[in-house]
């Protein structure tokens, strides 16, 4: 058989004159649609204008889907997804590595499905309209065949070699079984590759050889995605976007369920990428940020210079971490959007909101410079959600995240500097629910949500935090200052009983730390190395 090409159009297969089944009739199966994406019912249902000696691949548009299970299950599902019909197939027993390897070496290049003995095999052969099968190894329960190596004259196991009809007749339902030495090259292959882009889990190539042979036979393009999330790596995003008209398939349990994978795929195909590429905040990158307010140096290092100089400073800071991390380090701003105040103000909330137009200047400039921005809230007696919603316009930007600072969250009757504020997990969950919906509804990449903390009491019932939103990367940020021992003790305390799916952050204080950690100490002494580091 002439092997088709890969890619968007593929290379036409040669239509060979076939002696395979010229006088045979199609199987009389009547199985209907099997529900797999791209499947199109039985070969008999596909129309009388079809060449019964040619392989036909699924070409209809289909929703993203995930294939999981054993090699037998994955190969079956891949065949159902990618093939409309095939006059021939290759079959091997499940669990016989040598037989499967030999079968894959024939099925893949020949362009016909490789299926393993088990539930669904006979039905799939009927759906495909298979008339002839080449078998390798022996089905379960059959006596192992013994063959002689012609070169040495020694007896060898027959499980890795093509086997004869007797062992397989009851398994294959009367389909003609080719002789072991009869090639498959008289089958006319599909004219083009199946229009599918396939993401492979980390172990798919090793653990699912039969399924991999089915992919090869269908000529699909594939890409190993170790993160098992199409949003994570720029390389995966580029792979999917290179053929945007393709159906998308994932193979491996780590990709999650089909609904989750479909949502992630939609983001990967259409959303803007984060600075540095991809749509997941971590672990594809780390961030180093200047913290403060544009009004001046009193509130942090960010305000010690204008926006352009601040961008240069943030980039220089991030550059000092280059070589200390396997991940790229992205420069960032953490801008105080609402500032805690000593007086109640007109609305009585002890918090002053920064004008959106002023913040927009910094947000836009940072975005153009390839930087991330986090808006920090010090809400006083206002709840965090109310303040977050006031900055919805900026939070719709793909490179803008949110920070909540419980130190400055007051209860009625409290005032700043008289006590350390706190917030309940329930109030934080209201913000994370809203921010996740905002991200999803506006087709945005994952957002960073930072929770500042230097005492456990600052977030009550922390174990109840909702940290599983697919749209958010939640960071617990160690915000304490002091000597190295104090800071590391705070770090260790905050990491105890840490909720699932949380990343850790760290703050370096230019004036209050004695001494301030260098980049080497920040990534070396602080273990594990923090994902988000800010400088105040």
Protein backbone atom coordinates (compact mmCIF):
# COMPACT_ATOMS: atom_id res chain seq x y z
CA UNK A 1 0.00 0.00 0.00
CA UNK A 2 1.22 3.49 -0.73
CA UNK A 3 1.37 5.47 2.51
CA UNK A 4 -0.46 8.78 2.62
CA UNK A 5 1.24 11.96 3.74
CA UNK A 6 0.67 13.89 6.93
CA UNK A 7 -0.35 17.49 7.47
CA UNK A 8 -3.23 19.54 6.17
CA UNK A 9 -3.72 18.04 2.74
CA UNK A 10 -1.76 14.80 2.87
CA UNK A 11 -0.38 13.01 -0.19
CA UNK A 12 -2.76 10.94 -2.34
CA UNK A 13 -2.44 7.23 -1.85
CA UNK A 14 -1.94 5.11 -4.93
CA UNK A 15 -5.08 3.30 -5.94
CA UNK A 16 -3.76 -0.23 -6.37
CA UNK A 17 -5.60 -2.95 -8.22
CA UNK A 18 -6.74 -5.21 -5.43
CA UNK A 19 -7.04 -8.93 -5.53
CA UNK A 20 -7.86 -8.73 -1.84
CA UNK A 21 -11.60 -8.95 -2.13
CA UNK A 22 -12.74 -8.39 -5.69
CA UNK A 23 -15.25 -11.19 -5.53
CA UNK A 24 -16.23 -10.72 -1.89
CA UNK A 25 -19.34 -8.94 -0.68
CA UNK A 26 -19.48 -6.45 2.16
CA UNK A 27 -20.25 -7.68 5.62
CA UNK A 28 -23.94 -7.65 6.33
CA UNK A 29 -23.59 -5.86 9.65
CA UNK A 30 -26.20 -3.27 10.56
CA UNK A 31 -24.61 -1.59 13.58
CA UNK A 32 -25.55 2.08 13.81
CA UNK A 33 -23.70 5.19 14.90
CA UNK A 34 -21.34 4.49 17.75
CA UNK A 35 -21.31 7.96 19.22
CA UNK A 36 -17.59 8.57 18.72
CA UNK A 37 -16.62 11.90 17.15
CA UNK A 38 -16.07 11.53 13.45
CA UNK A 39 -17.70 8.09 13.26
CA UNK A 40 -20.20 7.62 10.47
CA UNK A 41 -22.00 4.36 11.10
CA UNK A 42 -21.21 1.14 9.27
CA UNK A 43 -19.32 0.75 6.04
CA UNK A 44 -22.51 -0.54 4.44
CA UNK A 45 -24.28 2.69 5.36
CA UNK A 46 -21.66 4.89 3.70
CA UNK A 47 -23.02 4.61 0.17
CA UNK A 48 -22.74 2.39 -2.90
CA UNK A 49 -20.43 4.86 -4.65
CA UNK A 50 -17.59 3.83 -2.36
CA UNK A 51 -14.72 1.69 -3.62
CA UNK A 52 -14.99 -1.38 -1.43
CA UNK A 53 -11.24 -1.93 -1.65
CA UNK A 54 -10.28 1.52 -0.35
CA UNK A 55 -9.84 2.81 3.19
CA UNK A 56 -12.07 5.80 4.04
CA UNK A 57 -11.24 8.07 6.98
CA UNK A 58 -13.56 10.23 9.05
CA UNK A 59 -13.63 13.78 7.69
CA UNK A 60 -16.71 15.31 9.35
CA UNK A 61 -16.30 18.12 11.86
CA UNK A 62 -16.37 16.87 15.44
CA UNK A 63 -16.11 18.29 18.95
CA UNK A 64 -12.85 17.82 20.90
CA UNK A 65 -12.74 14.46 22.65
CA UNK A 66 -10.57 12.46 25.04
CA UNK A 67 -9.66 8.80 24.61
CA UNK A 68 -8.64 6.88 27.72
CA UNK A 69 -8.41 3.29 28.91
CA UNK A 70 -6.28 0.28 28.15
CA UNK A 71 -4.43 -0.09 24.88
CA UNK A 72 -7.25 -2.28 23.57
CA UNK A 73 -9.87 0.30 24.56
CA UNK A 74 -7.86 3.23 23.21
CA UNK A 75 -7.14 1.50 19.89
CA UNK A 76 -10.82 0.66 19.51
CA UNK A 77 -11.89 4.23 20.29
CA UNK A 78 -9.27 5.66 17.92
CA UNK A 79 -10.49 3.37 15.14
CA UNK A 80 -14.10 4.40 15.78
CA UNK A 81 -13.08 8.05 15.70
CA UNK A 82 -10.72 8.12 12.74
CA UNK A 83 -11.91 5.43 10.31
CA UNK A 84 -15.16 5.28 8.36
CA UNK A 85 -14.40 2.00 6.65
CA UNK A 86 -11.56 -0.34 5.82
CA UNK A 87 -11.55 -3.58 3.83
CA UNK A 88 -8.74 -4.97 5.98
CA UNK A 89 -7.48 -4.76 9.55
CA UNK A 90 -4.73 -6.15 11.74
CA UNK A 91 -5.54 -7.92 15.00
CA UNK A 92 -3.39 -8.98 17.95
CA UNK A 93 -4.06 -10.25 21.49
CA UNK A 94 -4.13 -7.76 24.33
CA UNK A 95 -1.11 -7.92 26.61
CA UNK A 96 1.22 -9.65 24.14
CA UNK A 97 3.86 -6.96 23.69
CA UNK A 98 5.81 -8.77 20.99
CA UNK A 99 2.73 -9.54 18.93
CA UNK A 100 1.44 -5.97 19.24
CA UNK A 101 4.81 -4.56 18.20
CA UNK A 102 4.88 -6.75 15.11
CA UNK A 103 1.24 -5.95 14.31
CA UNK A 104 1.84 -2.21 14.69
CA UNK A 105 4.79 -2.39 12.31
CA UNK A 106 2.44 -3.73 9.64
CA UNK A 107 -0.81 -1.86 10.35
CA UNK A 108 0.59 1.65 10.70
CA UNK A 109 2.47 1.84 7.41
CA UNK A 110 -0.31 -0.08 5.65
CA UNK A 111 -2.90 2.49 6.71
CA UNK A 112 -5.39 0.04 8.26
CA UNK A 113 -6.61 -0.16 11.86
CA UNK A 114 -4.88 -2.29 14.48
CA UNK A 115 -7.34 -3.73 16.98
CA UNK A 116 -6.75 -5.94 20.00
CA UNK A 117 -8.85 -8.94 20.96
CA UNK A 118 -11.53 -8.05 23.50
CA UNK A 119 -14.93 -6.48 23.94
CA UNK A 120 -16.05 -4.53 20.88
CA UNK A 121 -13.63 -6.11 18.41
CA UNK A 122 -16.17 -8.01 16.33
CA UNK A 123 -18.60 -5.08 16.25
CA UNK A 124 -15.85 -2.69 15.10
CA UNK A 125 -14.74 -5.04 12.34
CA UNK A 126 -18.33 -5.17 11.14
CA UNK A 127 -18.74 -1.40 11.33
CA UNK A 128 -15.61 -0.92 9.25
CA UNK A 129 -16.73 -3.47 6.68
CA UNK A 130 -13.56 -5.50 7.18
CA UNK A 131 -13.41 -8.57 4.91
CA UNK A 132 -9.89 -9.74 5.60
CA UNK A 133 -7.76 -9.68 8.73
CA UNK A 134 -4.11 -10.29 9.35
CA UNK A 135 -3.49 -11.69 12.82
CA UNK A 136 -0.43 -11.67 15.05
CA UNK A 137 0.08 -13.85 18.08
CA UNK A 138 -2.61 -16.08 19.50
CA UNK A 139 -5.89 -15.08 21.17
CA UNK A 140 -6.36 -15.77 24.86
CA UNK A 141 -6.88 -19.46 25.53
CA UNK A 142 -5.26 -20.62 22.30
CA UNK A 143 -2.25 -22.87 22.33
CA UNK A 144 0.88 -20.91 21.54
CA UNK A 145 2.22 -21.72 18.07
CA UNK A 146 5.81 -22.85 17.69
CA UNK A 147 7.74 -21.84 14.61
CA UNK A 148 11.27 -22.54 13.44
CA UNK A 149 13.79 -19.85 12.70
CA UNK A 150 14.88 -20.63 9.12
CA UNK A 151 18.38 -19.23 9.65
CA UNK A 152 19.21 -21.15 12.83
CA UNK A 153 16.76 -24.03 12.79
CA UNK A 154 15.80 -23.33 16.41
CA UNK A 155 12.25 -23.30 17.69
CA UNK A 156 10.83 -19.85 18.53
CA UNK A 157 7.55 -18.64 19.98
CA UNK A 158 5.01 -17.72 17.37
CA UNK A 159 3.31 -14.93 19.34
CA UNK A 160 5.22 -12.13 17.62
CA UNK A 161 4.65 -13.60 14.17
CA UNK A 162 1.56 -13.58 12.04
CA UNK A 163 -0.58 -16.56 13.00
CA UNK A 164 -2.95 -18.70 11.01
CA UNK A 165 -6.74 -18.94 10.84
CA UNK A 166 -7.42 -21.76 13.27
CA UNK A 167 -6.55 -19.84 16.43
CA UNK A 168 -8.62 -16.79 15.49
CA UNK A 169 -11.70 -18.07 13.65
CA UNK A 170 -13.98 -18.07 16.68
CA UNK A 171 -12.81 -14.59 17.70
CA UNK A 172 -13.22 -12.92 14.32
CA UNK A 173 -16.70 -14.11 13.45
CA UNK A 174 -15.95 -15.77 10.14
CA UNK A 175 -13.93 -12.96 8.56
CA UNK A 176 -11.26 -14.29 6.20
CA UNK A 177 -7.85 -14.48 7.84
CA UNK A 178 -4.83 -13.86 5.65
CA UNK A 179 -1.97 -16.30 5.59
CA UNK A 180 0.96 -15.21 7.79
CA UNK A 181 3.14 -14.39 4.78
CA UNK A 182 0.47 -12.58 2.77
CA UNK A 183 1.11 -8.79 2.66
CA UNK A 184 -1.47 -6.06 3.07
CA UNK A 185 -0.07 -3.88 0.31
CA UNK A 186 -2.91 -4.61 -2.12
CA UNK A 187 -5.40 -2.54 -0.14
CA UNK A 188 -6.03 0.92 -1.58
CA UNK A 189 -5.40 3.46 1.14
CA UNK A 190 -7.19 6.66 2.02
CA UNK A 191 -6.54 9.53 -0.38
CA UNK A 192 -5.77 12.02 2.44
CA UNK A 193 -4.86 11.95 6.10
CA UNK A 194 -7.69 12.23 8.59
CA UNK A 195 -8.15 15.91 9.50
CA UNK A 196 -7.31 15.45 13.19
CA UNK A 197 -4.73 17.03 15.47
CA UNK A 198 -3.97 14.66 18.34
CA UNK A 199 -2.43 15.50 21.71
CA UNK A 200 -0.67 12.62 23.42
CA UNK A 201 -0.31 12.21 27.17
CA UNK A 202 3.12 11.70 28.63
CA UNK A 203 2.98 7.89 28.56
CA UNK A 204 0.76 7.34 25.52
CA UNK A 205 3.54 6.39 23.13
CA UNK A 206 4.98 3.90 25.61
CA UNK A 207 1.79 2.40 27.05
CA UNK A 208 -0.56 2.47 24.04
CA UNK A 209 1.32 1.02 21.05
CA UNK A 210 -1.82 -0.27 19.33
CA UNK A 211 -3.51 3.11 19.62
CA UNK A 212 -0.37 4.78 18.27
CA UNK A 213 -0.48 2.44 15.27
CA UNK A 214 -4.08 3.48 14.58
CA UNK A 215 -3.00 7.14 14.61
CA UNK A 216 -0.17 6.37 12.21
CA UNK A 217 -2.52 4.46 9.91
CA UNK A 218 -4.90 7.43 9.79
CA UNK A 219 -2.04 9.83 9.05
CA UNK A 220 -3.01 12.27 11.79
CA UNK A 221 -0.60 14.87 13.09
CA UNK A 222 0.28 14.40 16.75
CA UNK A 223 2.07 16.28 19.51
CA UNK A 224 3.28 15.09 22.93
CA UNK A 225 1.75 17.33 25.60
CA UNK A 226 3.38 16.48 28.93
CA UNK A 227 1.18 19.01 30.74
CA UNK A 228 -1.97 17.25 29.48
CA UNK A 229 -3.56 20.68 29.08
CA UNK A 230 -3.66 22.39 25.66
CA UNK A 231 -3.41 25.81 27.31
CA UNK A 232 -0.15 25.17 29.11
CA UNK A 233 2.70 25.30 26.64
CA UNK A 234 3.29 27.69 23.74
CA UNK A 235 4.44 24.74 21.63
CA UNK A 236 1.08 23.00 22.10
CA UNK A 237 -0.82 26.19 21.30
CA UNK A 238 1.24 26.64 18.14
CA UNK A 239 0.65 23.00 17.15
CA UNK A 240 -3.14 23.34 17.44
CA UNK A 241 -3.35 26.74 15.77
CA UNK A 242 -1.26 25.59 12.81
CA UNK A 243 -4.26 23.54 11.59
CA UNK A 244 -7.28 25.38 13.04
CA UNK A 245 -9.77 23.48 10.87
CA UNK A 246 -8.74 20.13 12.32
CA UNK A 247 -10.74 18.12 14.82
CA UNK A 248 -8.85 17.83 18.11
CA UNK A 249 -8.35 14.60 19.98
CA UNK A 250 -6.47 13.81 23.20
CA UNK A 251 -5.21 10.40 24.27
CA UNK A 252 -4.54 9.85 27.97
CA UNK A 253 -6.46 10.00 31.25
CA UNK A 254 -4.52 13.07 32.46
CA UNK A 255 -6.41 15.27 29.99
CA UNK A 256 -9.55 15.03 32.16
CA UNK A 257 -13.06 14.51 30.89
CA UNK A 258 -14.23 15.53 27.46
CA UNK A 259 -16.17 18.60 28.66
CA UNK A 260 -13.14 19.96 30.51
CA UNK A 261 -10.85 19.22 27.58
CA UNK A 262 -13.23 20.93 25.14
CA UNK A 263 -13.29 24.10 27.25
CA UNK A 264 -9.50 24.13 27.54
CA UNK A 265 -9.14 23.54 23.81
CA UNK A 266 -11.42 26.46 23.03
CA UNK A 267 -9.20 28.69 25.15
CA UNK A 268 -6.03 27.35 23.55
CA UNK A 269 -7.38 27.96 20.06
CA UNK A 270 -8.81 31.45 20.53
CA UNK A 271 -7.63 33.26 23.68
CA UNK A 272 -4.75 35.68 23.87
CA UNK A 273 -1.57 34.20 25.30
CA UNK A 274 0.03 35.32 28.54
CA UNK A 275 3.37 37.14 28.51
CA UNK A 276 5.86 34.41 27.72
CA UNK A 277 3.30 32.28 25.84
CA UNK A 278 0.63 29.76 26.74
CA UNK A 279 -2.52 30.32 28.77
CA UNK A 280 -1.61 28.83 32.19
CA UNK A 281 0.12 31.16 34.62
CA UNK A 282 2.22 28.41 36.21
CA UNK A 283 4.33 26.27 35.94
CA UNK A 284 5.24 27.51 32.45
CA UNK A 285 6.77 30.66 33.94
CA UNK A 286 7.69 32.44 37.17
CA UNK A 287 7.06 36.14 37.82
CA UNK A 288 9.05 38.90 39.52
CA UNK A 289 7.14 42.11 40.23
CA UNK A 290 7.61 45.68 41.37
CA UNK A 291 5.00 46.47 44.05
CA UNK A 292 3.50 49.85 44.86
CA UNK A 293 1.32 52.71 43.65
CA UNK A 294 1.98 55.11 40.77
CA UNK A 295 1.54 58.13 43.07
CA UNK A 296 5.01 57.91 44.58
CA UNK A 297 7.56 55.98 46.66
CA UNK A 298 5.65 56.01 49.95
CA UNK A 299 3.67 52.90 48.98
CA UNK A 300 6.43 50.85 47.40
CA UNK A 301 9.16 50.60 44.82
CA UNK A 302 6.84 50.82 41.82
CA UNK A 303 6.10 54.53 42.43
CA UNK A 304 9.74 55.56 42.71
CA UNK A 305 9.87 56.27 38.96
CA UNK A 306 7.55 56.86 36.02
CA UNK A 307 5.97 54.02 34.11
CA UNK A 308 8.69 53.60 31.48
CA UNK A 309 11.45 53.59 34.07
CA UNK A 310 9.42 51.18 36.19
CA UNK A 311 9.16 48.82 33.22
CA UNK A 312 12.93 48.94 32.76
CA UNK A 313 13.46 48.30 36.48
CA UNK A 314 11.06 45.36 36.55
CA UNK A 315 12.76 43.82 33.53
CA UNK A 316 16.16 44.23 35.18
CA UNK A 317 14.86 42.60 38.36
CA UNK A 318 13.45 39.64 36.46
CA UNK A 319 16.73 39.39 34.56
CA UNK A 320 18.60 38.89 37.83
CA UNK A 321 16.70 35.61 38.24
CA UNK A 322 17.69 34.34 34.82
CA UNK A 323 19.65 31.13 35.13
CA UNK A 324 18.29 30.45 38.63
CA UNK A 325 15.15 28.75 37.34
CA UNK A 326 14.37 26.18 34.70
CA UNK A 327 11.29 28.25 33.82
CA UNK A 328 11.41 31.67 32.15
CA UNK A 329 11.02 34.57 34.61
CA UNK A 330 8.51 37.19 33.47
CA UNK A 331 8.62 40.79 34.76
CA UNK A 332 5.43 42.11 36.37
CA UNK A 333 3.79 44.98 38.21
CA UNK A 334 1.72 44.56 41.35
CA UNK A 335 -0.18 47.84 41.52
CA UNK A 336 -2.18 48.89 44.56
CA UNK A 337 -5.56 49.74 43.03
CA UNK A 338 -7.35 50.59 46.28
CA UNK A 339 -5.23 52.11 49.06
CA UNK A 340 -5.96 51.68 52.77
CA UNK A 341 -6.49 55.10 54.42
CA UNK A 342 -6.34 56.42 57.96
CA UNK A 343 -9.61 58.32 57.58
CA UNK A 344 -13.01 56.96 56.69
CA UNK A 345 -13.48 59.12 53.60
CA UNK A 346 -16.81 60.17 52.12
CA UNK A 347 -18.08 56.60 51.83
CA UNK A 348 -16.73 55.53 55.22
CA UNK A 349 -14.78 52.54 53.92
CA UNK A 350 -11.23 53.60 54.88
CA UNK A 351 -10.06 52.85 51.35
CA UNK A 352 -9.22 55.11 48.42
CA UNK A 353 -9.87 53.80 44.90
CA UNK A 354 -7.39 54.71 42.16
CA UNK A 355 -8.85 56.12 38.97
CA UNK A 356 -9.12 53.50 36.23
CA UNK A 357 -7.65 55.86 33.63
CA UNK A 358 -4.45 56.21 35.68
CA UNK A 359 -4.19 52.45 36.09
CA UNK A 360 -4.94 51.96 32.40
CA UNK A 361 -1.79 53.89 31.49
CA UNK A 362 0.33 51.45 33.51
CA UNK A 363 -1.62 48.36 32.46
CA UNK A 364 -1.36 49.14 28.76
CA UNK A 365 2.32 50.05 28.91
CA UNK A 366 3.11 46.85 30.79
CA UNK A 367 1.16 44.77 28.30
CA UNK A 368 3.02 46.30 25.37
CA UNK A 369 6.29 45.52 27.15
CA UNK A 370 5.38 41.84 27.60
CA UNK A 371 4.74 42.12 31.33
CA UNK A 372 2.02 40.81 33.64
CA UNK A 373 0.03 43.10 35.96
CA UNK A 374 -1.69 42.30 39.26
CA UNK A 375 -4.18 44.77 40.77
CA UNK A 376 -3.95 44.77 44.57
CA UNK A 377 -6.98 45.55 46.75
CA UNK A 378 -6.81 47.08 50.26
CA UNK A 379 -10.56 47.35 50.87
CA UNK A 380 -10.95 48.69 54.40
CA UNK A 381 -14.55 48.11 55.46
CA UNK A 382 -15.70 47.29 51.92
CA UNK A 383 -15.84 43.66 50.86
CA UNK A 384 -13.33 42.43 48.31
CA UNK A 385 -15.91 41.49 45.66
CA UNK A 386 -17.38 45.00 45.56
CA UNK A 387 -13.95 46.50 44.94
CA UNK A 388 -12.94 43.83 42.41
CA UNK A 389 -16.04 44.50 40.32
CA UNK A 390 -15.11 48.19 40.12
CA UNK A 391 -12.04 47.14 38.10
CA UNK A 392 -13.79 44.67 35.82
CA UNK A 393 -12.80 46.70 32.77
CA UNK A 394 -9.11 46.16 33.49
CA UNK A 395 -9.54 42.58 34.64
CA UNK A 396 -10.89 41.73 31.19
CA UNK A 397 -7.38 42.29 29.86
CA UNK A 398 -5.59 38.97 29.33
CA UNK A 399 -2.43 40.04 31.18
CA UNK A 400 -4.14 41.39 34.33
CA UNK A 401 -4.70 39.43 37.54
CA UNK A 402 -5.94 40.28 41.04
CA UNK A 403 -4.51 40.37 44.57
CA UNK A 404 -6.47 40.46 47.83
CA UNK A 405 -4.71 41.94 50.87
CA UNK A 406 -6.49 40.77 54.07
CA UNK A 407 -4.18 42.89 56.26
CA UNK A 408 -6.28 45.86 55.16
CA UNK A 409 -9.74 44.26 55.41
CA UNK A 410 -11.53 45.84 58.39
CA UNK A 411 -14.60 44.83 60.34
CA UNK A 412 -17.06 47.47 61.48
CA UNK A 413 -15.48 49.55 64.23
CA UNK A 414 -11.91 48.65 63.28
CA UNK A 415 -9.29 51.04 61.93
CA UNK A 416 -6.04 50.54 60.08
CA UNK A 417 -2.82 50.28 62.11
CA UNK A 418 -4.79 49.41 65.27
CA UNK A 419 -4.99 45.70 64.38
CA UNK A 420 -4.17 43.39 61.48
CA UNK A 421 -7.17 42.78 59.28
CA UNK A 422 -8.57 39.43 58.20
CA UNK A 423 -11.03 37.88 55.78
CA UNK A 424 -13.09 34.72 55.67
CA UNK A 425 -12.56 31.99 53.11
CA UNK A 426 -16.20 32.49 52.12
CA UNK A 427 -15.56 36.11 51.08
CA UNK A 428 -12.51 35.10 49.07
CA UNK A 429 -14.54 32.33 47.41
CA UNK A 430 -17.08 34.92 46.25
CA UNK A 431 -14.27 36.76 44.49
CA UNK A 432 -12.74 33.62 42.97
CA UNK A 433 -16.14 32.45 41.69
CA UNK A 434 -16.75 35.83 40.05
CA UNK A 435 -13.24 36.12 38.62
CA UNK A 436 -13.39 32.59 37.19
CA UNK A 437 -16.70 33.37 35.46
CA UNK A 438 -15.32 36.64 34.12
CA UNK A 439 -12.32 34.79 32.71
CA UNK A 440 -14.42 32.05 31.13
CA UNK A 441 -17.09 34.33 29.68
CA UNK A 442 -14.49 36.62 28.10
CA UNK A 443 -12.34 33.78 26.73
CA UNK A 444 -9.26 34.86 28.68
CA UNK A 445 -6.12 32.96 29.66
CA UNK A 446 -5.80 31.81 33.24
CA UNK A 447 -5.66 34.64 35.79
CA UNK A 448 -3.38 34.92 38.79
CA UNK A 449 -5.30 35.42 42.06
CA UNK A 450 -2.90 36.37 44.89
CA UNK A 451 -3.86 36.09 48.55
CA UNK A 452 -1.45 38.06 50.75
CA UNK A 453 -0.82 36.49 54.14
CA UNK A 454 1.79 36.62 56.92
CA UNK A 455 -0.33 35.29 59.79
CA UNK A 456 -2.63 32.27 59.62
CA UNK A 457 -5.46 34.24 61.26
CA UNK A 458 -5.56 36.64 58.31
CA UNK A 459 -7.59 34.07 56.33
CA UNK A 460 -10.06 32.26 58.55
CA UNK A 461 -11.11 28.73 57.58
CA UNK A 462 -8.36 28.69 54.95
CA UNK A 463 -8.99 24.98 54.36
CA UNK A 464 -12.34 25.97 52.86
CA UNK A 465 -10.81 28.07 50.09
CA UNK A 466 -12.05 27.17 46.62
CA UNK A 467 -8.83 26.67 44.69
CA UNK A 468 -10.04 24.36 41.93
CA UNK A 469 -11.23 26.89 39.36
CA UNK A 470 -9.66 25.91 36.04
CA UNK A 471 -9.52 29.59 35.07
CA UNK A 472 -7.44 30.74 38.06
CA UNK A 473 -3.96 30.20 39.51
CA UNK A 474 -4.31 30.86 43.25
CA UNK A 475 -1.16 32.11 45.00
CA UNK A 476 -0.62 32.28 48.76
CA UNK A 477 1.85 35.15 49.05
CA UNK A 478 4.15 35.27 52.10
CA UNK A 479 3.99 38.98 52.82
CA UNK A 480 5.99 39.30 56.03
CA UNK A 481 9.16 41.34 56.53
CA UNK A 482 12.05 41.08 58.99
CA UNK A 483 15.17 38.99 59.32
CA UNK A 484 15.81 35.82 57.31
CA UNK A 485 14.85 33.55 60.20
CA UNK A 486 11.54 35.32 60.74
CA UNK A 487 10.68 35.28 57.07
CA UNK A 488 11.49 31.61 56.62
CA UNK A 489 9.51 30.72 59.74
CA UNK A 490 6.51 32.57 58.28
CA UNK A 491 7.02 30.73 55.00
CA UNK A 492 7.01 27.33 56.70
CA UNK A 493 3.94 28.21 58.78
CA UNK A 494 1.97 29.34 55.72
CA UNK A 495 2.82 26.14 53.87
CA UNK A 496 1.37 23.91 56.59
CA UNK A 497 -1.99 22.41 55.64
CA UNK A 498 -1.84 24.30 52.36
CA UNK A 499 -4.99 23.84 50.26
CA UNK A 500 -4.69 21.85 47.05
CA UNK A 501 -3.88 23.56 43.77
CA UNK A 502 -2.12 26.51 45.38
CA UNK A 503 1.12 28.17 44.27
CA UNK A 504 3.41 30.03 46.67
CA UNK A 505 4.63 33.62 46.44
CA UNK A 506 7.19 35.71 48.36
CA UNK A 507 7.85 39.40 49.00
CA UNK A 508 11.22 41.12 49.41
CA UNK A 509 11.21 44.46 51.25
CA UNK A 510 13.96 46.93 50.34
CA UNK A 511 13.81 48.80 53.67
CA UNK A 512 12.22 46.47 56.23
CA UNK A 513 14.08 43.20 55.51
CA UNK A 514 17.36 42.83 57.44
CA UNK A 515 18.95 41.97 55.08
CA UNK A 516 16.81 41.60 51.97
CA UNK A 517 17.18 38.26 50.23
CA UNK A 518 19.20 38.26 47.02
CA UNK A 519 17.73 36.49 43.98
CA UNK A 520 20.01 33.54 44.74
CA UNK A 521 18.68 33.28 48.30
CA UNK A 522 15.09 33.88 47.19
CA UNK A 523 15.19 30.87 44.87
CA UNK A 524 17.77 28.89 46.86
CA UNK A 525 16.94 29.26 50.56
CA UNK A 526 13.17 29.56 50.10
CA UNK A 527 12.00 26.03 49.37
CA UNK A 528 10.23 25.31 47.17
CA UNK A 529 11.23 28.34 45.12
CA UNK A 530 8.34 30.84 44.96
CA UNK A 531 6.45 31.28 41.70
CA UNK A 532 5.59 34.95 42.24
CA UNK A 533 8.11 37.30 43.88
CA UNK A 534 7.33 40.95 44.51
CA UNK A 535 9.58 43.81 45.62
CA UNK A 536 8.24 46.57 47.88
